[in-house]
Amino acid sequence: MQSDVTVTSPCNNHCIINATNNYCDGCFRTIEEIVHWSVYSDEEKKQVLQKVERRKVSLTKENKN
């Protein structure tokens, strides 16, 4: 059974690629992940979202130090 629910993009319209880490400052995706989002399967999108969460945690910890 296929769900009609799609995986939502993490984009929050704060699109600036950080030159230090190459992640978008708004959504924490790479430019490749942003460009390919529309063709990724739902499973691939979920994998990207997992990476995004890890990046957020990692970068938040770095910024606190």
PDB file of N, CA and C in Angstrom:
ATOM      1  N   MET A   1       0.843  -1.174   0.000  1.00  0.00           N
ATOM      2  CA  MET A   1       0.000   0.000   0.000  1.00  0.00           C
ATOM      3  C   MET A   1       0.889   1.237   0.000  1.00  0.00           C
ATOM      4  N   GLN A   2       0.641   2.136  -0.950  1.00  0.00           N
ATOM      5  CA  GLN A   2       1.437   3.343  -1.061  1.00  0.00           C
ATOM      6  C   GLN A   2       0.712   4.516  -0.407  1.00  0.00           C
ATOM      7  N   SER A   3       1.456   5.306   0.323  1.00  0.00           N
ATOM      8  CA  SER A   3       0.886   6.456   1.015  1.00  0.00           C
ATOM      9  C   SER A   3       0.878   7.661   0.086  1.00  0.00           C
ATOM     10  N   ASP A   4      -0.128   8.515   0.235  1.00  0.00           N
ATOM     11  CA  ASP A   4      -0.192   9.742  -0.543  1.00  0.00           C
ATOM     12  C   ASP A   4       0.619  10.859   0.103  1.00  0.00           C
ATOM     13  N   VAL A   5       1.126  10.598   1.293  1.00  0.00           N
ATOM     14  CA  VAL A   5       1.913  11.590   2.007  1.00  0.00           C
ATOM     15  C   VAL A   5       3.347  11.563   1.467  1.00  0.00           C
ATOM     16  N   THR A   6       3.853  12.731   1.137  1.00  0.00           N
ATOM     17  CA  THR A   6       5.230  12.805   0.665  1.00  0.00           C
ATOM     18  C   THR A   6       6.111  13.418   1.754  1.00  0.00           C
ATOM     19  N   VAL A   7       7.386  13.190   1.627  1.00  0.00           N
ATOM     20  CA  VAL A   7       8.341  13.721   2.585  1.00  0.00           C
ATOM     21  C   VAL A   7       8.543  15.201   2.270  1.00  0.00           C
ATOM     22  N   THR A   8       8.349  16.042   3.264  1.00  0.00           N
ATOM     23  CA  THR A   8       8.418  17.485   3.089  1.00  0.00           C
ATOM     24  C   THR A   8       9.859  17.975   3.120  1.00  0.00           C
ATOM     25  N   SER A   9      10.148  18.903   2.247  1.00  0.00           N
ATOM     26  CA  SER A   9      11.473  19.505   2.208  1.00  0.00           C
ATOM     27  C   SER A   9      11.742  20.287   3.489  1.00  0.00           C
ATOM     28  N   PRO A  10      12.980  20.241   3.975  1.00  0.00           N
ATOM     29  CA  PRO A  10      13.329  21.011   5.169  1.00  0.00           C
ATOM     30  C   PRO A  10      13.617  22.486   4.871  1.00  0.00           C
ATOM     31  N   CYS A  11      13.469  22.889   3.622  1.00  0.00           N
ATOM     32  CA  CYS A  11      13.764  24.271   3.243  1.00  0.00           C
ATOM     33  C   CYS A  11      12.914  25.245   4.053  1.00  0.00           C
ATOM     34  N   ASN A  12      13.574  26.286   4.566  1.00  0.00           N
ATOM     35  CA  ASN A  12      12.861  27.322   5.309  1.00  0.00           C
ATOM     36  C   ASN A  12      13.118  28.712   4.718  1.00  0.00           C
ATOM     37  N   ASN A  13      13.533  28.726   3.446  1.00  0.00           N
ATOM     38  CA  ASN A  13      13.777  29.955   2.687  1.00  0.00           C
ATOM     39  C   ASN A  13      14.870  30.834   3.281  1.00  0.00           C
ATOM     40  N   HIS A  14      15.823  30.227   3.959  1.00  0.00           N
ATOM     41  CA  HIS A  14      17.013  30.917   4.457  1.00  0.00           C
ATOM     42  C   HIS A  14      18.201  30.275   3.744  1.00  0.00           C
ATOM     43  N   CYS A  15      18.243  30.475   2.442  1.00  0.00           N
ATOM     44  CA  CYS A  15      19.151  29.734   1.569  1.00  0.00           C
ATOM     45  C   CYS A  15      20.492  30.445   1.398  1.00  0.00           C
ATOM     46  N   ILE A  16      21.457  30.027   2.193  1.00  0.00           N
ATOM     47  CA  ILE A  16      22.820  30.531   2.094  1.00  0.00           C
ATOM     48  C   ILE A  16      23.754  29.342   2.312  1.00  0.00           C
ATOM     49  N   ILE A  17      24.556  29.038   1.312  1.00  0.00           N
ATOM     50  CA  ILE A  17      25.502  27.941   1.457  1.00  0.00           C
ATOM     51  C   ILE A  17      26.711  28.451   2.242  1.00  0.00           C
ATOM     52  N   ASN A  18      26.973  27.830   3.363  1.00  0.00           N
ATOM     53  CA  ASN A  18      28.066  28.204   4.248  1.00  0.00           C
ATOM     54  C   ASN A  18      29.385  27.756   3.617  1.00  0.00           C
ATOM     55  N   ALA A  19      30.288  28.682   3.414  1.00  0.00           N
ATOM     56  CA  ALA A  19      31.566  28.385   2.763  1.00  0.00           C
ATOM     57  C   ALA A  19      32.472  27.505   3.618  1.00  0.00           C
ATOM     58  N   THR A  20      32.251  27.473   4.909  1.00  0.00           N
ATOM     59  CA  THR A  20      33.078  26.673   5.804  1.00  0.00           C
ATOM     60  C   THR A  20      32.709  25.193   5.767  1.00  0.00           C
ATOM     61  N   ASN A  21      31.402  24.895   5.809  1.00  0.00           N
ATOM     62  CA  ASN A  21      30.989  23.485   5.874  1.00  0.00           C
ATOM     63  C   ASN A  21      30.213  23.004   4.648  1.00  0.00           C
ATOM     64  N   ASN A  22      29.910  23.901   3.731  1.00  0.00           N
ATOM     65  CA  ASN A  22      29.185  23.591   2.492  1.00  0.00           C
ATOM     66  C   ASN A  22      27.758  23.111   2.706  1.00  0.00           C
ATOM     67  N   TYR A  23      27.168  23.480   3.836  1.00  0.00           N
ATOM     68  CA  TYR A  23      25.759  23.183   4.109  1.00  0.00           C
ATOM     69  C   TYR A  23      24.975  24.484   4.024  1.00  0.00           C
ATOM     70  N   CYS A  24      23.715  24.362   3.650  1.00  0.00           N
ATOM     71  CA  CYS A  24      22.832  25.519   3.671  1.00  0.00           C
ATOM     72  C   CYS A  24      22.629  25.940   5.131  1.00  0.00           C
ATOM     73  N   ASP A  25      22.778  27.228   5.414  1.00  0.00           N
ATOM     74  CA  ASP A  25      22.578  27.719   6.776  1.00  0.00           C
ATOM     75  C   ASP A  25      21.125  27.583   7.225  1.00  0.00           C
ATOM     76  N   GLY A  26      20.207  27.469   6.288  1.00  0.00           N
ATOM     77  CA  GLY A  26      18.794  27.344   6.646  1.00  0.00           C
ATOM     78  C   GLY A  26      18.341  25.916   6.896  1.00  0.00           C
ATOM     79  N   CYS A  27      18.718  25.002   6.000  1.00  0.00           N
ATOM     80  CA  CYS A  27      18.186  23.634   6.095  1.00  0.00           C
ATOM     81  C   CYS A  27      19.240  22.565   6.328  1.00  0.00           C
ATOM     82  N   PHE A  28      20.500  22.948   6.321  1.00  0.00           N
ATOM     83  CA  PHE A  28      21.617  22.035   6.591  1.00  0.00           C
ATOM     84  C   PHE A  28      21.813  20.956   5.525  1.00  0.00           C
ATOM     85  N   ARG A  29      21.279  21.187   4.328  1.00  0.00           N
ATOM     86  CA  ARG A  29      21.533  20.258   3.226  1.00  0.00           C
ATOM     87  C   ARG A  29      22.699  20.762   2.393  1.00  0.00           C
ATOM     88  N   THR A  30      23.328  19.837   1.652  1.00  0.00           N
ATOM     89  CA  THR A  30      24.362  20.224   0.696  1.00  0.00           C
ATOM     90  C   THR A  30      23.673  20.725  -0.560  1.00  0.00           C
ATOM     91  N   ILE A  31      24.408  21.410  -1.415  1.00  0.00           N
ATOM     92  CA  ILE A  31      23.825  21.894  -2.668  1.00  0.00           C
ATOM     93  C   ILE A  31      23.338  20.709  -3.504  1.00  0.00           C
ATOM     94  N   GLU A  32      24.071  19.608  -3.475  1.00  0.00           N
ATOM     95  CA  GLU A  32      23.655  18.411  -4.222  1.00  0.00           C
ATOM     96  C   GLU A  32      22.314  17.880  -3.703  1.00  0.00           C
ATOM     97  N   GLU A  33      22.159  17.843  -2.396  1.00  0.00           N
ATOM     98  CA  GLU A  33      20.905  17.361  -1.808  1.00  0.00           C
ATOM     99  C   GLU A  33      19.741  18.301  -2.154  1.00  0.00           C
ATOM    100  N   ILE A  34      20.016  19.589  -2.180  1.00  0.00           N
ATOM    101  CA  ILE A  34      18.975  20.560  -2.534  1.00  0.00           C
ATOM    102  C   ILE A  34      18.562  20.395  -3.992  1.00  0.00           C
ATOM    103  N   VAL A  35      19.541  20.325  -4.868  1.00  0.00           N
ATOM    104  CA  VAL A  35      19.279  20.226  -6.305  1.00  0.00           C
ATOM    105  C   VAL A  35      18.533  18.946  -6.654  1.00  0.00           C
ATOM    106  N   HIS A  36      18.866  17.845  -5.995  1.00  0.00           N
ATOM    107  CA  HIS A  36      18.275  16.551  -6.339  1.00  0.00           C
ATOM    108  C   HIS A  36      17.020  16.207  -5.532  1.00  0.00           C
ATOM    109  N   TRP A  37      16.625  17.052  -4.591  1.00  0.00           N
ATOM    110  CA  TRP A  37      15.497  16.753  -3.712  1.00  0.00           C
ATOM    111  C   TRP A  37      14.262  16.309  -4.499  1.00  0.00           C
ATOM    112  N   SER A  38      13.945  16.996  -5.565  1.00  0.00           N
ATOM    113  CA  SER A  38      12.701  16.706  -6.300  1.00  0.00           C
ATOM    114  C   SER A  38      12.715  15.356  -7.012  1.00  0.00           C
ATOM    115  N   VAL A  39      13.882  14.782  -7.210  1.00  0.00           N
ATOM    116  CA  VAL A  39      13.942  13.474  -7.881  1.00  0.00           C
ATOM    117  C   VAL A  39      14.261  12.335  -6.922  1.00  0.00           C
ATOM    118  N   TYR A  40      14.578  12.658  -5.678  1.00  0.00           N
ATOM    119  CA  TYR A  40      14.822  11.617  -4.688  1.00  0.00           C
ATOM    120  C   TYR A  40      13.537  10.871  -4.371  1.00  0.00           C
ATOM    121  N   SER A  41      13.673   9.598  -4.101  1.00  0.00           N
ATOM    122  CA  SER A  41      12.537   8.812  -3.618  1.00  0.00           C
ATOM    123  C   SER A  41      12.263   9.238  -2.176  1.00  0.00           C
ATOM    124  N   ASP A  42      11.116   8.845  -1.640  1.00  0.00           N
ATOM    125  CA  ASP A  42      10.814   9.172  -0.252  1.00  0.00           C
ATOM    126  C   ASP A  42      11.865   8.590   0.691  1.00  0.00           C
ATOM    127  N   GLU A  43      12.353   7.403   0.388  1.00  0.00           N
ATOM    128  CA  GLU A  43      13.388   6.787   1.232  1.00  0.00           C
ATOM    129  C   GLU A  43      14.671   7.611   1.189  1.00  0.00           C
ATOM    130  N   GLU A  44      15.057   8.073   0.014  1.00  0.00           N
ATOM    131  CA  GLU A  44      16.261   8.900  -0.092  1.00  0.00           C
ATOM    132  C   GLU A  44      16.075  10.226   0.657  1.00  0.00           C
ATOM    133  N   LYS A  45      14.886  10.796   0.571  1.00  0.00           N
ATOM    134  CA  LYS A  45      14.593  12.040   1.298  1.00  0.00           C
ATOM    135  C   LYS A  45      14.685  11.819   2.800  1.00  0.00           C
ATOM    136  N   LYS A  46      14.195  10.698   3.271  1.00  0.00           N
ATOM    137  CA  LYS A  46      14.279  10.385   4.698  1.00  0.00           C
ATOM    138  C   LYS A  46      15.732  10.252   5.133  1.00  0.00           C
ATOM    139  N   GLN A  47      16.560   9.662   4.277  1.00  0.00           N
ATOM    140  CA  GLN A  47      17.981   9.532   4.588  1.00  0.00           C
ATOM    141  C   GLN A  47      18.640  10.907   4.676  1.00  0.00           C
ATOM    142  N   VAL A  48      18.272  11.800   3.765  1.00  0.00           N
ATOM    143  CA  VAL A  48      18.807  13.161   3.802  1.00  0.00           C
ATOM    144  C   VAL A  48      18.372  13.847   5.093  1.00  0.00           C
ATOM    145  N   LEU A  49      17.111  13.685   5.474  1.00  0.00           N
ATOM    146  CA  LEU A  49      16.618  14.316   6.698  1.00  0.00           C
ATOM    147  C   LEU A  49      17.347  13.799   7.936  1.00  0.00           C
ATOM    148  N   GLN A  50      17.725  12.529   7.935  1.00  0.00           N
ATOM    149  CA  GLN A  50      18.509  11.983   9.045  1.00  0.00           C
ATOM    150  C   GLN A  50      19.891  12.643   9.091  1.00  0.00           C
ATOM    151  N   LYS A  51      20.496  12.829   7.931  1.00  0.00           N
ATOM    152  CA  LYS A  51      21.792  13.509   7.864  1.00  0.00           C
ATOM    153  C   LYS A  51      21.664  14.948   8.355  1.00  0.00           C
ATOM    154  N   VAL A  52      20.583  15.603   7.944  1.00  0.00           N
ATOM    155  CA  VAL A  52      20.334  16.986   8.353  1.00  0.00           C
ATOM    156  C   VAL A  52      20.269  17.091   9.875  1.00  0.00           C
ATOM    157  N   GLU A  53      19.564  16.169  10.511  1.00  0.00           N
ATOM    158  CA  GLU A  53      19.445  16.196  11.973  1.00  0.00           C
ATOM    159  C   GLU A  53      20.804  16.007  12.638  1.00  0.00           C
ATOM    160  N   ARG A  54      21.609  15.088  12.115  1.00  0.00           N
ATOM    161  CA  ARG A  54      22.948  14.877  12.672  1.00  0.00           C
ATOM    162  C   ARG A  54      23.820  16.126  12.498  1.00  0.00           C
ATOM    163  N   ARG A  55      23.697  16.763  11.347  1.00  0.00           N
ATOM    164  CA  ARG A  55      24.473  17.983  11.094  1.00  0.00           C
ATOM    165  C   ARG A  55      24.066  19.095  12.061  1.00  0.00           C
ATOM    166  N   LYS A  56      22.768  19.255  12.269  1.00  0.00           N
ATOM    167  CA  LYS A  56      22.288  20.284  13.189  1.00  0.00           C
ATOM    168  C   LYS A  56      22.878  20.083  14.573  1.00  0.00           C
ATOM    169  N   VAL A  57      22.817  18.843  15.055  1.00  0.00           N
ATOM    170  CA  VAL A  57      23.336  18.531  16.388  1.00  0.00           C
ATOM    171  C   VAL A  57      24.838  18.802  16.444  1.00  0.00           C
ATOM    172  N   SER A  58      25.551  18.333  15.460  1.00  0.00           N
ATOM    173  CA  SER A  58      27.000  18.493  15.421  1.00  0.00           C
ATOM    174  C   SER A  58      27.394  19.967  15.361  1.00  0.00           C
ATOM    175  N   LEU A  59      26.748  20.720  14.498  1.00  0.00           N
ATOM    176  CA  LEU A  59      27.104  22.129  14.344  1.00  0.00           C
ATOM    177  C   LEU A  59      26.678  22.947  15.554  1.00  0.00           C
ATOM    178  N   THR A  60      25.586  22.576  16.180  1.00  0.00           N
ATOM    179  CA  THR A  60      25.149  23.270  17.389  1.00  0.00           C
ATOM    180  C   THR A  60      26.169  23.056  18.500  1.00  0.00           C
ATOM    181  N   LYS A  61      26.673  21.828  18.629  1.00  0.00           N
ATOM    182  CA  LYS A  61      27.690  21.534  19.649  1.00  0.00           C
ATOM    183  C   LYS A  61      28.970  22.312  19.365  1.00  0.00           C
ATOM    184  N   GLU A  62      29.380  22.388  18.099  1.00  0.00           N
ATOM    185  CA  GLU A  62      30.598  23.119  17.728  1.00  0.00           C
ATOM    186  C   GLU A  62      30.453  24.598  18.064  1.00  0.00           C
ATOM    187  N   ASN A  63      29.286  25.157  17.810  1.00  0.00           N
ATOM    188  CA  ASN A  63      29.077  26.580  18.042  1.00  0.00           C
ATOM    189  C   ASN A  63      29.002  26.937  19.524  1.00  0.00           C
ATOM    190  N   LYS A  64      28.694  25.959  20.364  1.00  0.00           N
ATOM    191  CA  LYS A  64      28.635  26.203  21.805  1.00  0.00           C
ATOM    192  C   LYS A  64      30.030  26.213  22.419  1.00  0.00           C
ATOM    193  N   ASN A  65      30.965  25.567  21.750  1.00  0.00           N
ATOM    194  CA  ASN A  65      32.345  25.487  22.284  1.00  0.00           C
ATOM    195  C   ASN A  65      33.160  26.688  21.902  1.00  0.00           C
TER     196      ASN A  65
END
